[in-house]
mmCIF file of all heavy atoms, coordinates in Angstrom:
data_MODEL
# 
_entry.id   MODEL 
# 
loop_
_atom_site.group_PDB 
_atom_site.id 
_atom_site.type_symbol 
_atom_site.label_atom_id 
_atom_site.label_alt_id 
_atom_site.label_comp_id 
_atom_site.label_asym_id 
_atom_site.label_entity_id 
_atom_site.label_seq_id 
_atom_site.pdbx_PDB_ins_code 
_atom_site.Cartn_x 
_atom_site.Cartn_y 
_atom_site.Cartn_z 
_atom_site.occupancy 
_atom_site.B_iso_or_equiv 
_atom_site.pdbx_formal_charge 
_atom_site.auth_seq_id 
_atom_site.auth_comp_id 
_atom_site.auth_asym_id 
_atom_site.auth_atom_id 
_atom_site.pdbx_PDB_model_num 
ATOM 1   N N   . ILE A 1 1  ? 0.841  -1.215 0.000   1.00 0.00 ? 1  ILE A N   1 
ATOM 2   C CA  . ILE A 1 1  ? 0.000  0.000  0.000   1.00 0.00 ? 1  ILE A CA  1 
ATOM 3   C C   . ILE A 1 1  ? 0.871  1.258  0.000   1.00 0.00 ? 1  ILE A C   1 
ATOM 4   O O   . ILE A 1 1  ? 0.617  2.203  -0.751  1.00 0.00 ? 1  ILE A O   1 
ATOM 5   C CB  . ILE A 1 1  ? -0.946 -0.004 1.221   1.00 0.00 ? 1  ILE A CB  1 
ATOM 6   C CG1 . ILE A 1 1  ? -1.947 -1.152 1.102   1.00 0.00 ? 1  ILE A CG1 1 
ATOM 7   C CG2 . ILE A 1 1  ? -1.680 1.332  1.316   1.00 0.00 ? 1  ILE A CG2 1 
ATOM 8   C CD1 . ILE A 1 1  ? -2.878 -1.290 2.283   1.00 0.00 ? 1  ILE A CD1 1 
ATOM 9   N N   . ILE A 1 2  ? 1.899  1.261  0.819   1.00 0.00 ? 2  ILE A N   1 
ATOM 10  C CA  . ILE A 1 2  ? 2.799  2.429  0.853   1.00 0.00 ? 2  ILE A CA  1 
ATOM 11  C C   . ILE A 1 2  ? 3.513  2.581  -0.481  1.00 0.00 ? 2  ILE A C   1 
ATOM 12  O O   . ILE A 1 2  ? 3.673  3.689  -1.006  1.00 0.00 ? 2  ILE A O   1 
ATOM 13  C CB  . ILE A 1 2  ? 3.820  2.285  2.006   1.00 0.00 ? 2  ILE A CB  1 
ATOM 14  C CG1 . ILE A 1 2  ? 3.096  2.234  3.349   1.00 0.00 ? 2  ILE A CG1 1 
ATOM 15  C CG2 . ILE A 1 2  ? 4.814  3.443  1.985   1.00 0.00 ? 2  ILE A CG2 1 
ATOM 16  C CD1 . ILE A 1 2  ? 4.008  1.962  4.526   1.00 0.00 ? 2  ILE A CD1 1 
ATOM 17  N N   . SER A 1 3  ? 3.942  1.445  -1.063  1.00 0.00 ? 3  SER A N   1 
ATOM 18  C CA  . SER A 1 3  ? 4.623  1.468  -2.354  1.00 0.00 ? 3  SER A CA  1 
ATOM 19  C C   . SER A 1 3  ? 3.716  2.059  -3.437  1.00 0.00 ? 3  SER A C   1 
ATOM 20  O O   . SER A 1 3  ? 4.134  2.912  -4.221  1.00 0.00 ? 3  SER A O   1 
ATOM 21  C CB  . SER A 1 3  ? 5.057  0.049  -2.730  1.00 0.00 ? 3  SER A CB  1 
ATOM 22  O OG  . SER A 1 3  ? 5.617  0.037  -4.030  1.00 0.00 ? 3  SER A OG  1 
ATOM 23  N N   . ALA A 1 4  ? 2.462  1.596  -3.476  1.00 0.00 ? 4  ALA A N   1 
ATOM 24  C CA  . ALA A 1 4  ? 1.513  2.096  -4.472  1.00 0.00 ? 4  ALA A CA  1 
ATOM 25  C C   . ALA A 1 4  ? 1.248  3.585  -4.271  1.00 0.00 ? 4  ALA A C   1 
ATOM 26  O O   . ALA A 1 4  ? 1.128  4.351  -5.233  1.00 0.00 ? 4  ALA A O   1 
ATOM 27  C CB  . ALA A 1 4  ? 0.204  1.304  -4.384  1.00 0.00 ? 4  ALA A CB  1 
ATOM 28  N N   . PHE A 1 5  ? 1.155  3.988  -3.007  1.00 0.00 ? 5  PHE A N   1 
ATOM 29  C CA  . PHE A 1 5  ? 0.947  5.403  -2.678  1.00 0.00 ? 5  PHE A CA  1 
ATOM 30  C C   . PHE A 1 5  ? 2.085  6.262  -3.242  1.00 0.00 ? 5  PHE A C   1 
ATOM 31  O O   . PHE A 1 5  ? 1.864  7.297  -3.879  1.00 0.00 ? 5  PHE A O   1 
ATOM 32  C CB  . PHE A 1 5  ? 0.860  5.559  -1.162  1.00 0.00 ? 5  PHE A CB  1 
ATOM 33  C CG  . PHE A 1 5  ? 0.784  6.992  -0.692  1.00 0.00 ? 5  PHE A CG  1 
ATOM 34  C CD1 . PHE A 1 5  ? -0.432 7.648  -0.579  1.00 0.00 ? 5  PHE A CD1 1 
ATOM 35  C CD2 . PHE A 1 5  ? 1.943  7.684  -0.354  1.00 0.00 ? 5  PHE A CD2 1 
ATOM 36  C CE1 . PHE A 1 5  ? -0.495 8.971  -0.142  1.00 0.00 ? 5  PHE A CE1 1 
ATOM 37  C CE2 . PHE A 1 5  ? 1.886  8.994  0.077   1.00 0.00 ? 5  PHE A CE2 1 
ATOM 38  C CZ  . PHE A 1 5  ? 0.664  9.650  0.181   1.00 0.00 ? 5  PHE A CZ  1 
ATOM 39  N N   . LEU A 1 6  ? 3.325  5.828  -3.005  1.00 0.00 ? 6  LEU A N   1 
ATOM 40  C CA  . LEU A 1 6  ? 4.491  6.590  -3.486  1.00 0.00 ? 6  LEU A CA  1 
ATOM 41  C C   . LEU A 1 6  ? 4.539  6.618  -5.012  1.00 0.00 ? 6  LEU A C   1 
ATOM 42  O O   . LEU A 1 6  ? 4.866  7.645  -5.616  1.00 0.00 ? 6  LEU A O   1 
ATOM 43  C CB  . LEU A 1 6  ? 5.774  5.985  -2.919  1.00 0.00 ? 6  LEU A CB  1 
ATOM 44  C CG  . LEU A 1 6  ? 6.010  6.181  -1.425  1.00 0.00 ? 6  LEU A CG  1 
ATOM 45  C CD1 . LEU A 1 6  ? 7.223  5.401  -0.966  1.00 0.00 ? 6  LEU A CD1 1 
ATOM 46  C CD2 . LEU A 1 6  ? 6.180  7.674  -1.110  1.00 0.00 ? 6  LEU A CD2 1 
ATOM 47  N N   . PHE A 1 7  ? 4.212  5.471  -5.624  1.00 0.00 ? 7  PHE A N   1 
ATOM 48  C CA  . PHE A 1 7  ? 4.195  5.418  -7.091  1.00 0.00 ? 7  PHE A CA  1 
ATOM 49  C C   . PHE A 1 7  ? 3.189  6.427  -7.652  1.00 0.00 ? 7  PHE A C   1 
ATOM 50  O O   . PHE A 1 7  ? 3.507  7.211  -8.563  1.00 0.00 ? 7  PHE A O   1 
ATOM 51  C CB  . PHE A 1 7  ? 3.794  4.007  -7.557  1.00 0.00 ? 7  PHE A CB  1 
ATOM 52  C CG  . PHE A 1 7  ? 4.947  3.179  -8.008  1.00 0.00 ? 7  PHE A CG  1 
ATOM 53  C CD1 . PHE A 1 7  ? 5.362  2.089  -7.274  1.00 0.00 ? 7  PHE A CD1 1 
ATOM 54  C CD2 . PHE A 1 7  ? 5.629  3.492  -9.168  1.00 0.00 ? 7  PHE A CD2 1 
ATOM 55  C CE1 . PHE A 1 7  ? 6.431  1.304  -7.683  1.00 0.00 ? 7  PHE A CE1 1 
ATOM 56  C CE2 . PHE A 1 7  ? 6.688  2.716  -9.579  1.00 0.00 ? 7  PHE A CE2 1 
ATOM 57  C CZ  . PHE A 1 7  ? 7.103  1.621  -8.840  1.00 0.00 ? 7  PHE A CZ  1 
ATOM 58  N N   . TYR A 1 8  ? 1.978  6.377  -7.121  1.00 0.00 ? 8  TYR A N   1 
ATOM 59  C CA  . TYR A 1 8  ? 0.895  7.220  -7.659  1.00 0.00 ? 8  TYR A CA  1 
ATOM 60  C C   . TYR A 1 8  ? 1.211  8.697  -7.505  1.00 0.00 ? 8  TYR A C   1 
ATOM 61  O O   . TYR A 1 8  ? 1.157  9.464  -8.473  1.00 0.00 ? 8  TYR A O   1 
ATOM 62  C CB  . TYR A 1 8  ? -0.423 6.885  -6.967  1.00 0.00 ? 8  TYR A CB  1 
ATOM 63  C CG  . TYR A 1 8  ? -1.555 7.810  -7.356  1.00 0.00 ? 8  TYR A CG  1 
ATOM 64  C CD1 . TYR A 1 8  ? -2.205 7.659  -8.574  1.00 0.00 ? 8  TYR A CD1 1 
ATOM 65  C CD2 . TYR A 1 8  ? -1.950 8.849  -6.502  1.00 0.00 ? 8  TYR A CD2 1 
ATOM 66  C CE1 . TYR A 1 8  ? -3.232 8.526  -8.939  1.00 0.00 ? 8  TYR A CE1 1 
ATOM 67  C CE2 . TYR A 1 8  ? -2.980 9.707  -6.852  1.00 0.00 ? 8  TYR A CE2 1 
ATOM 68  C CZ  . TYR A 1 8  ? -3.613 9.547  -8.080  1.00 0.00 ? 8  TYR A CZ  1 
ATOM 69  O OH  . TYR A 1 8  ? -4.622 10.405 -8.433  1.00 0.00 ? 8  TYR A OH  1 
ATOM 70  N N   . PHE A 1 9  ? 1.540  9.114  -6.297  1.00 0.00 ? 9  PHE A N   1 
ATOM 71  C CA  . PHE A 1 9  ? 1.762  10.540 -6.059  1.00 0.00 ? 9  PHE A CA  1 
ATOM 72  C C   . PHE A 1 9  ? 3.092  11.007 -6.652  1.00 0.00 ? 9  PHE A C   1 
ATOM 73  O O   . PHE A 1 9  ? 3.225  12.167 -7.054  1.00 0.00 ? 9  PHE A O   1 
ATOM 74  C CB  . PHE A 1 9  ? 1.690  10.846 -4.561  1.00 0.00 ? 9  PHE A CB  1 
ATOM 75  C CG  . PHE A 1 9  ? 0.287  10.837 -4.037  1.00 0.00 ? 9  PHE A CG  1 
ATOM 76  C CD1 . PHE A 1 9  ? -0.217 9.723  -3.374  1.00 0.00 ? 9  PHE A CD1 1 
ATOM 77  C CD2 . PHE A 1 9  ? -0.551 11.927 -4.246  1.00 0.00 ? 9  PHE A CD2 1 
ATOM 78  C CE1 . PHE A 1 9  ? -1.520 9.709  -2.906  1.00 0.00 ? 9  PHE A CE1 1 
ATOM 79  C CE2 . PHE A 1 9  ? -1.858 11.912 -3.776  1.00 0.00 ? 9  PHE A CE2 1 
ATOM 80  C CZ  . PHE A 1 9  ? -2.351 10.802 -3.103  1.00 0.00 ? 9  PHE A CZ  1 
ATOM 81  N N   . GLY A 1 10 ? 4.083  10.099 -6.722  1.00 0.00 ? 10 GLY A N   1 
ATOM 82  C CA  . GLY A 1 10 ? 5.333  10.463 -7.379  1.00 0.00 ? 10 GLY A CA  1 
ATOM 83  C C   . GLY A 1 10 ? 5.127  10.699 -8.863  1.00 0.00 ? 10 GLY A C   1 
ATOM 84  O O   . GLY A 1 10 ? 5.613  11.677 -9.428  1.00 0.00 ? 10 GLY A O   1 
ATOM 85  N N   . TYR A 1 11 ? 4.388  9.799  -9.511  1.00 0.00 ? 11 TYR A N   1 
ATOM 86  C CA  . TYR A 1 11 ? 4.100  9.949  -10.946 1.00 0.00 ? 11 TYR A CA  1 
ATOM 87  C C   . TYR A 1 11 ? 3.301  11.227 -11.209 1.00 0.00 ? 11 TYR A C   1 
ATOM 88  O O   . TYR A 1 11 ? 3.570  11.971 -12.161 1.00 0.00 ? 11 TYR A O   1 
ATOM 89  C CB  . TYR A 1 11 ? 3.326  8.739  -11.453 1.00 0.00 ? 11 TYR A CB  1 
ATOM 90  C CG  . TYR A 1 11 ? 2.907  8.852  -12.899 1.00 0.00 ? 11 TYR A CG  1 
ATOM 91  C CD1 . TYR A 1 11 ? 3.801  8.571  -13.931 1.00 0.00 ? 11 TYR A CD1 1 
ATOM 92  C CD2 . TYR A 1 11 ? 1.618  9.272  -13.226 1.00 0.00 ? 11 TYR A CD2 1 
ATOM 93  C CE1 . TYR A 1 11 ? 3.406  8.690  -15.263 1.00 0.00 ? 11 TYR A CE1 1 
ATOM 94  C CE2 . TYR A 1 11 ? 1.226  9.395  -14.546 1.00 0.00 ? 11 TYR A CE2 1 
ATOM 95  C CZ  . TYR A 1 11 ? 2.115  9.099  -15.567 1.00 0.00 ? 11 TYR A CZ  1 
ATOM 96  O OH  . TYR A 1 11 ? 1.732  9.228  -16.877 1.00 0.00 ? 11 TYR A OH  1 
ATOM 97  N N   . LYS A 1 12 ? 2.313  11.478 -10.349 1.00 0.00 ? 12 LYS A N   1 
ATOM 98  C CA  . LYS A 1 12 ? 1.484  12.675 -10.515 1.00 0.00 ? 12 LYS A CA  1 
ATOM 99  C C   . LYS A 1 12 ? 2.319  13.947 -10.369 1.00 0.00 ? 12 LYS A C   1 
ATOM 100 O O   . LYS A 1 12 ? 2.173  14.904 -11.128 1.00 0.00 ? 12 LYS A O   1 
ATOM 101 C CB  . LYS A 1 12 ? 0.357  12.664 -9.480  1.00 0.00 ? 12 LYS A CB  1 
ATOM 102 C CG  . LYS A 1 12 ? -0.698 13.732 -9.712  1.00 0.00 ? 12 LYS A CG  1 
ATOM 103 C CD  . LYS A 1 12 ? -1.876 13.537 -8.757  1.00 0.00 ? 12 LYS A CD  1 
ATOM 104 C CE  . LYS A 1 12 ? -2.958 14.579 -9.023  1.00 0.00 ? 12 LYS A CE  1 
ATOM 105 N NZ  . LYS A 1 12 ? -4.105 14.414 -8.104  1.00 0.00 ? 12 LYS A NZ  1 
ATOM 106 N N   . LYS A 1 13 ? 3.240  13.947 -9.398  1.00 0.00 ? 13 LYS A N   1 
ATOM 107 C CA  . LYS A 1 13 ? 4.096  15.113 -9.172  1.00 0.00 ? 13 LYS A CA  1 
ATOM 108 C C   . LYS A 1 13 ? 5.013  15.344 -10.382 1.00 0.00 ? 13 LYS A C   1 
ATOM 109 O O   . LYS A 1 13 ? 5.181  16.470 -10.847 1.00 0.00 ? 13 LYS A O   1 
ATOM 110 C CB  . LYS A 1 13 ? 4.915  14.941 -7.909  1.00 0.00 ? 13 LYS A CB  1 
ATOM 111 C CG  . LYS A 1 13 ? 5.778  16.157 -7.539  1.00 0.00 ? 13 LYS A CG  1 
ATOM 112 C CD  . LYS A 1 13 ? 6.521  15.914 -6.243  1.00 0.00 ? 13 LYS A CD  1 
ATOM 113 C CE  . LYS A 1 13 ? 5.613  16.058 -5.050  1.00 0.00 ? 13 LYS A CE  1 
ATOM 114 N NZ  . LYS A 1 13 ? 5.179  17.469 -4.836  1.00 0.00 ? 13 LYS A NZ  1 
ATOM 115 N N   . VAL A 1 14 ? 5.595  14.266 -10.911 1.00 0.00 ? 14 VAL A N   1 
ATOM 116 C CA  . VAL A 1 14 ? 6.482  14.380 -12.079 1.00 0.00 ? 14 VAL A CA  1 
ATOM 117 C C   . VAL A 1 14 ? 5.704  14.879 -13.293 1.00 0.00 ? 14 VAL A C   1 
ATOM 118 O O   . VAL A 1 14 ? 6.161  15.754 -14.031 1.00 0.00 ? 14 VAL A O   1 
ATOM 119 C CB  . VAL A 1 14 ? 7.155  13.025 -12.392 1.00 0.00 ? 14 VAL A CB  1 
ATOM 120 C CG1 . VAL A 1 14 ? 7.877  13.087 -13.740 1.00 0.00 ? 14 VAL A CG1 1 
ATOM 121 C CG2 . VAL A 1 14 ? 8.138  12.665 -11.296 1.00 0.00 ? 14 VAL A CG2 1 
ATOM 122 N N   . SER A 1 15 ? 4.520  14.332 -13.504 1.00 0.00 ? 15 SER A N   1 
ATOM 123 C CA  . SER A 1 15 ? 3.693  14.706 -14.653 1.00 0.00 ? 15 SER A CA  1 
ATOM 124 C C   . SER A 1 15 ? 3.299  16.179 -14.598 1.00 0.00 ? 15 SER A C   1 
ATOM 125 O O   . SER A 1 15 ? 3.410  16.910 -15.582 1.00 0.00 ? 15 SER A O   1 
ATOM 126 C CB  . SER A 1 15 ? 2.441  13.829 -14.706 1.00 0.00 ? 15 SER A CB  1 
ATOM 127 O OG  . SER A 1 15 ? 1.625  14.194 -15.789 1.00 0.00 ? 15 SER A OG  1 
ATOM 128 N N   . ASN A 1 16 ? 2.841  16.620 -13.414 1.00 0.00 ? 16 ASN A N   1 
ATOM 129 C CA  . ASN A 1 16 ? 2.445  18.025 -13.258 1.00 0.00 ? 16 ASN A CA  1 
ATOM 130 C C   . ASN A 1 16 ? 3.641  18.960 -13.391 1.00 0.00 ? 16 ASN A C   1 
ATOM 131 O O   . ASN A 1 16 ? 3.551  20.026 -14.015 1.00 0.00 ? 16 ASN A O   1 
ATOM 132 C CB  . ASN A 1 16 ? 1.776  18.239 -11.907 1.00 0.00 ? 16 ASN A CB  1 
ATOM 133 C CG  . ASN A 1 16 ? 0.404  17.598 -11.831 1.00 0.00 ? 16 ASN A CG  1 
ATOM 134 O OD1 . ASN A 1 16 ? -0.222 17.324 -12.854 1.00 0.00 ? 16 ASN A OD1 1 
ATOM 135 N ND2 . ASN A 1 16 ? -0.072 17.329 -10.626 1.00 0.00 ? 16 ASN A ND2 1 
ATOM 136 N N   . ALA A 1 17 ? 4.789  18.542 -12.814 1.00 0.00 ? 17 ALA A N   1 
ATOM 137 C CA  . ALA A 1 17 ? 5.983  19.382 -12.887 1.00 0.00 ? 17 ALA A CA  1 
ATOM 138 C C   . ALA A 1 17 ? 6.468  19.502 -14.324 1.00 0.00 ? 17 ALA A C   1 
ATOM 139 O O   . ALA A 1 17 ? 6.922  20.572 -14.747 1.00 0.00 ? 17 ALA A O   1 
ATOM 140 C CB  . ALA A 1 17 ? 7.088  18.799 -12.003 1.00 0.00 ? 17 ALA A CB  1 
ATOM 141 N N   . LYS A 1 18 ? 6.378  18.416 -15.091 1.00 0.00 ? 18 LYS A N   1 
ATOM 142 C CA  . LYS A 1 18 ? 6.790  18.452 -16.498 1.00 0.00 ? 18 LYS A CA  1 
ATOM 143 C C   . LYS A 1 18 ? 5.932  19.432 -17.292 1.00 0.00 ? 18 LYS A C   1 
ATOM 144 O O   . LYS A 1 18 ? 6.448  20.231 -18.079 1.00 0.00 ? 18 LYS A O   1 
ATOM 145 C CB  . LYS A 1 18 ? 6.680  17.061 -17.109 1.00 0.00 ? 18 LYS A CB  1 
ATOM 146 C CG  . LYS A 1 18 ? 7.126  16.988 -18.556 1.00 0.00 ? 18 LYS A CG  1 
ATOM 147 C CD  . LYS A 1 18 ? 7.026  15.567 -19.098 1.00 0.00 ? 18 LYS A CD  1 
ATOM 148 C CE  . LYS A 1 18 ? 7.464  15.517 -20.567 1.00 0.00 ? 18 LYS A CE  1 
ATOM 149 N NZ  . LYS A 1 18 ? 7.359  14.139 -21.112 1.00 0.00 ? 18 LYS A NZ  1 
ATOM 150 N N   . LYS A 1 19 ? 4.624  19.373 -17.073 1.00 0.00 ? 19 LYS A N   1 
ATOM 151 C CA  . LYS A 1 19 ? 3.712  20.285 -17.763 1.00 0.00 ? 19 LYS A CA  1 
ATOM 152 C C   . LYS A 1 19 ? 3.986  21.736 -17.355 1.00 0.00 ? 19 LYS A C   1 
ATOM 153 O O   . LYS A 1 19 ? 4.084  22.632 -18.214 1.00 0.00 ? 19 LYS A O   1 
ATOM 154 C CB  . LYS A 1 19 ? 2.266  19.917 -17.441 1.00 0.00 ? 19 LYS A CB  1 
ATOM 155 C CG  . LYS A 1 19 ? 1.238  20.801 -18.133 1.00 0.00 ? 19 LYS A CG  1 
ATOM 156 C CD  . LYS A 1 19 ? -0.178 20.359 -17.772 1.00 0.00 ? 19 LYS A CD  1 
ATOM 157 C CE  . LYS A 1 19 ? -1.210 21.257 -18.439 1.00 0.00 ? 19 LYS A CE  1 
ATOM 158 N NZ  . LYS A 1 19 ? -2.600 20.858 -18.075 1.00 0.00 ? 19 LYS A NZ  1 
ATOM 159 N N   . ASP A 1 20 ? 4.140  21.970 -16.055 1.00 0.00 ? 20 ASP A N   1 
ATOM 160 C CA  . ASP A 1 20 ? 4.402  23.321 -15.558 1.00 0.00 ? 20 ASP A CA  1 
ATOM 161 C C   . ASP A 1 20 ? 5.756  23.847 -16.054 1.00 0.00 ? 20 ASP A C   1 
ATOM 162 O O   . ASP A 1 20 ? 5.889  25.021 -16.385 1.00 0.00 ? 20 ASP A O   1 
ATOM 163 C CB  . ASP A 1 20 ? 4.385  23.342 -14.028 1.00 0.00 ? 20 ASP A CB  1 
ATOM 164 C CG  . ASP A 1 20 ? 2.995  23.108 -13.464 1.00 0.00 ? 20 ASP A CG  1 
ATOM 165 O OD1 . ASP A 1 20 ? 2.022  23.200 -14.227 1.00 0.00 ? 20 ASP A OD1 1 
ATOM 166 O OD2 . ASP A 1 20 ? 2.901  22.811 -12.258 1.00 0.00 ? 20 ASP A OD2 1 
ATOM 167 N N   . LEU A 1 21 ? 6.746  22.957 -16.123 1.00 0.00 ? 21 LEU A N   1 
ATOM 168 C CA  . LEU A 1 21 ? 8.089  23.361 -16.546 1.00 0.00 ? 21 LEU A CA  1 
ATOM 169 C C   . LEU A 1 21 ? 8.085  23.738 -18.021 1.00 0.00 ? 21 LEU A C   1 
ATOM 170 O O   . LEU A 1 21 ? 8.727  24.714 -18.420 1.00 0.00 ? 21 LEU A O   1 
ATOM 171 C CB  . LEU A 1 21 ? 9.080  22.236 -16.282 1.00 0.00 ? 21 LEU A CB  1 
ATOM 172 C CG  . LEU A 1 21 ? 10.572 22.538 -16.467 1.00 0.00 ? 21 LEU A CG  1 
ATOM 173 C CD1 . LEU A 1 21 ? 11.000 23.717 -15.604 1.00 0.00 ? 21 LEU A CD1 1 
ATOM 174 C CD2 . LEU A 1 21 ? 11.403 21.304 -16.107 1.00 0.00 ? 21 LEU A CD2 1 
ATOM 175 N N   . ARG A 1 22 ? 7.377  22.984 -18.816 1.00 0.00 ? 22 ARG A N   1 
ATOM 176 C CA  . ARG A 1 22 ? 7.269  23.287 -20.249 1.00 0.00 ? 22 ARG A CA  1 
ATOM 177 C C   . ARG A 1 22 ? 6.618  24.651 -20.467 1.00 0.00 ? 22 ARG A C   1 
ATOM 178 O O   . ARG A 1 22 ? 7.094  25.470 -21.254 1.00 0.00 ? 22 ARG A O   1 
ATOM 179 C CB  . ARG A 1 22 ? 6.463  22.198 -20.950 1.00 0.00 ? 22 ARG A CB  1 
ATOM 180 C CG  . ARG A 1 22 ? 6.189  22.475 -22.438 1.00 0.00 ? 22 ARG A CG  1 
ATOM 181 C CD  . ARG A 1 22 ? 5.413  21.315 -23.052 1.00 0.00 ? 22 ARG A CD  1 
ATOM 182 N NE  . ARG A 1 22 ? 5.010  21.615 -24.409 1.00 0.00 ? 22 ARG A NE  1 
ATOM 183 C CZ  . ARG A 1 22 ? 3.860  22.206 -24.738 1.00 0.00 ? 22 ARG A CZ  1 
ATOM 184 N NH1 . ARG A 1 22 ? 3.003  22.554 -23.769 1.00 0.00 ? 22 ARG A NH1 1 
ATOM 185 N NH2 . ARG A 1 22 ? 3.561  22.465 -25.991 1.00 0.00 ? 22 ARG A NH2 1 
ATOM 186 N N   . LEU A 1 23 ? 5.517  24.902 -19.746 1.00 0.00 ? 23 LEU A N   1 
ATOM 187 C CA  . LEU A 1 23 ? 4.824  26.186 -19.887 1.00 0.00 ? 23 LEU A CA  1 
ATOM 188 C C   . LEU A 1 23 ? 5.676  27.337 -19.361 1.00 0.00 ? 23 LEU A C   1 
ATOM 189 O O   . LEU A 1 23 ? 5.679  28.430 -19.943 1.00 0.00 ? 23 LEU A O   1 
ATOM 190 C CB  . LEU A 1 23 ? 3.481  26.141 -19.157 1.00 0.00 ? 23 LEU A CB  1 
ATOM 191 C CG  . LEU A 1 23 ? 2.420  25.228 -19.772 1.00 0.00 ? 23 LEU A CG  1 
ATOM 192 C CD1 . LEU A 1 23 ? 1.183  25.184 -18.884 1.00 0.00 ? 23 LEU A CD1 1 
ATOM 193 C CD2 . LEU A 1 23 ? 2.038  25.690 -21.179 1.00 0.00 ? 23 LEU A CD2 1 
ATOM 194 N N   . LEU A 1 24 ? 6.406  27.097 -18.268 1.00 0.00 ? 24 LEU A N   1 
ATOM 195 C CA  . LEU A 1 24 ? 7.268  28.137 -17.712 1.00 0.00 ? 24 LEU A CA  1 
ATOM 196 C C   . LEU A 1 24 ? 8.403  28.466 -18.678 1.00 0.00 ? 24 LEU A C   1 
ATOM 197 O O   . LEU A 1 24 ? 8.752  29.638 -18.856 1.00 0.00 ? 24 LEU A O   1 
ATOM 198 C CB  . LEU A 1 24 ? 7.838  27.677 -16.368 1.00 0.00 ? 24 LEU A CB  1 
ATOM 199 C CG  . LEU A 1 24 ? 8.767  28.666 -15.644 1.00 0.00 ? 24 LEU A CG  1 
ATOM 200 C CD1 . LEU A 1 24 ? 8.052  29.986 -15.378 1.00 0.00 ? 24 LEU A CD1 1 
ATOM 201 C CD2 . LEU A 1 24 ? 9.285  28.056 -14.346 1.00 0.00 ? 24 LEU A CD2 1 
ATOM 202 N N   . TYR A 1 25 ? 8.980  27.433 -19.297 1.00 0.00 ? 25 TYR A N   1 
ATOM 203 C CA  . TYR A 1 25 ? 10.029 27.659 -20.292 1.00 0.00 ? 25 TYR A CA  1 
ATOM 204 C C   . TYR A 1 25 ? 9.510  28.554 -21.420 1.00 0.00 ? 25 TYR A C   1 
ATOM 205 O O   . TYR A 1 25 ? 10.167 29.511 -21.836 1.00 0.00 ? 25 TYR A O   1 
ATOM 206 C CB  . TYR A 1 25 ? 10.516 26.322 -20.866 1.00 0.00 ? 25 TYR A CB  1 
ATOM 207 C CG  . TYR A 1 25 ? 11.503 26.487 -21.996 1.00 0.00 ? 25 TYR A CG  1 
ATOM 208 C CD1 . TYR A 1 25 ? 12.866 26.543 -21.742 1.00 0.00 ? 25 TYR A CD1 1 
ATOM 209 C CD2 . TYR A 1 25 ? 11.068 26.606 -23.319 1.00 0.00 ? 25 TYR A CD2 1 
ATOM 210 C CE1 . TYR A 1 25 ? 13.773 26.717 -22.782 1.00 0.00 ? 25 TYR A CE1 1 
ATOM 211 C CE2 . TYR A 1 25 ? 11.960 26.779 -24.364 1.00 0.00 ? 25 TYR A CE2 1 
ATOM 212 C CZ  . TYR A 1 25 ? 13.315 26.831 -24.081 1.00 0.00 ? 25 TYR A CZ  1 
ATOM 213 O OH  . TYR A 1 25 ? 14.192 27.021 -25.111 1.00 0.00 ? 25 TYR A OH  1 
ATOM 214 N N   . LYS A 1 26 ? 8.315  28.246 -21.913 1.00 0.00 ? 26 LYS A N   1 
ATOM 215 C CA  . LYS A 1 26 ? 7.738  29.026 -23.012 1.00 0.00 ? 26 LYS A CA  1 
ATOM 216 C C   . LYS A 1 26 ? 7.435  30.458 -22.567 1.00 0.00 ? 26 LYS A C   1 
ATOM 217 O O   . LYS A 1 26 ? 7.578  31.394 -23.350 1.00 0.00 ? 26 LYS A O   1 
ATOM 218 C CB  . LYS A 1 26 ? 6.484  28.336 -23.542 1.00 0.00 ? 26 LYS A CB  1 
ATOM 219 C CG  . LYS A 1 26 ? 6.783  27.054 -24.312 1.00 0.00 ? 26 LYS A CG  1 
ATOM 220 C CD  . LYS A 1 26 ? 5.502  26.367 -24.742 1.00 0.00 ? 26 LYS A CD  1 
ATOM 221 C CE  . LYS A 1 26 ? 5.791  25.075 -25.503 1.00 0.00 ? 26 LYS A CE  1 
ATOM 222 N NZ  . LYS A 1 26 ? 6.322  25.316 -26.851 1.00 0.00 ? 26 LYS A NZ  1 
ATOM 223 N N   . GLN A 1 27 ? 7.009  30.607 -21.316 1.00 0.00 ? 27 GLN A N   1 
ATOM 224 C CA  . GLN A 1 27 ? 6.728  31.955 -20.812 1.00 0.00 ? 27 GLN A CA  1 
ATOM 225 C C   . GLN A 1 27 ? 8.007  32.787 -20.762 1.00 0.00 ? 27 GLN A C   1 
ATOM 226 O O   . GLN A 1 27 ? 8.027  33.942 -21.194 1.00 0.00 ? 27 GLN A O   1 
ATOM 227 C CB  . GLN A 1 27 ? 6.111  31.871 -19.424 1.00 0.00 ? 27 GLN A CB  1 
ATOM 228 C CG  . GLN A 1 27 ? 5.828  33.238 -18.804 1.00 0.00 ? 27 GLN A CG  1 
ATOM 229 C CD  . GLN A 1 27 ? 5.355  33.136 -17.359 1.00 0.00 ? 27 GLN A CD  1 
ATOM 230 O OE1 . GLN A 1 27 ? 4.912  32.094 -16.905 1.00 0.00 ? 27 GLN A OE1 1 
ATOM 231 N NE2 . GLN A 1 27 ? 5.465  34.225 -16.619 1.00 0.00 ? 27 GLN A NE2 1 
# 
């Protein structure tokens, strides 16, 4: 359960950061 929790929220954090970083670069 802890492993799945870390996977899910880690993936979500990376995905959101990638999107935000791309938009910030363009800005």
